[in-house]
Amino acid sequence: MEEGFDVDLMALLMDLRLRDEYRDGVVANFERIKATARIVNSFELPDDVEAAPIFEP
């Protein structure tokens, strides 16, 4: 994970009991979330764009 991110500390702060057998999976999922967030955040929107009240694919 990114430097400064501590899964065990986050679990403690959120009062979650993160079992050892799940820790690696949790870290892997946060890595995937981070990669997806980078893609989403790299897409720039014009300043005048308004959020749609209803999502319709």
Protein backbone atom coordinates (compact mmCIF):
# COMPACT_ATOMS: atom_id res chain seq x y z
CA MET A 1 0.00 0.00 0.00
CA GLU A 2 0.92 3.64 -0.23
CA GLU A 3 3.46 4.78 2.31
CA GLY A 4 1.75 5.98 5.46
CA PHE A 5 -1.27 3.69 5.07
CA ASP A 6 -1.44 1.12 7.84
CA VAL A 7 -4.22 -1.46 7.50
CA ASP A 8 -3.81 -2.62 11.07
CA LEU A 9 -4.04 0.93 12.42
CA MET A 10 -7.13 1.66 10.30
CA ALA A 11 -8.80 -1.50 11.61
CA LEU A 12 -7.98 -0.47 15.17
CA LEU A 13 -9.32 3.06 14.67
CA MET A 14 -12.53 1.69 13.14
CA ASP A 15 -12.87 -0.91 15.91
CA LEU A 16 -12.71 -3.74 13.37
CA ARG A 17 -11.27 -7.10 14.28
CA LEU A 18 -9.17 -7.90 11.21
CA ARG A 19 -8.28 -11.57 11.41
CA ASP A 20 -4.80 -12.52 10.25
CA GLU A 21 -6.09 -14.83 7.51
CA TYR A 22 -7.99 -11.90 5.90
CA ARG A 23 -5.30 -9.22 6.17
CA ASP A 24 -3.56 -9.96 2.84
CA GLY A 25 -6.90 -9.98 1.02
CA VAL A 26 -7.90 -6.66 2.56
CA VAL A 27 -4.57 -5.10 1.50
CA ALA A 28 -4.96 -6.52 -2.04
CA ASN A 29 -8.48 -5.10 -2.33
CA PHE A 30 -7.34 -1.66 -1.21
CA GLU A 31 -4.60 -1.80 -3.87
CA ARG A 32 -7.29 -2.49 -6.49
CA ILE A 33 -9.47 0.33 -5.14
CA LYS A 34 -6.49 2.71 -5.27
CA ALA A 35 -5.76 1.78 -8.90
CA THR A 36 -9.40 2.32 -9.89
CA ALA A 37 -9.58 5.63 -8.02
CA ARG A 38 -6.50 6.89 -9.87
CA ILE A 39 -8.23 6.24 -13.21
CA VAL A 40 -11.46 7.92 -12.10
CA ASN A 41 -9.66 10.91 -10.59
CA SER A 42 -7.48 11.42 -13.67
CA PHE A 43 -10.55 12.25 -15.77
CA GLU A 44 -10.95 16.02 -15.63
CA LEU A 45 -14.41 17.56 -15.73
CA PRO A 46 -15.27 21.09 -16.79
CA ASP A 47 -16.10 23.49 -13.96
CA ASP A 48 -19.69 23.93 -15.17
CA VAL A 49 -20.65 20.23 -15.01
CA GLU A 50 -23.54 19.50 -12.66
CA ALA A 51 -24.22 16.15 -11.02
CA ALA A 52 -27.24 14.28 -12.37
CA PRO A 53 -29.95 13.73 -9.74
CA ILE A 54 -30.70 10.25 -11.17
CA PHE A 55 -28.30 7.81 -12.81
CA GLU A 56 -29.68 6.35 -16.02
CA PRO A 57 -27.29 4.09 -17.96
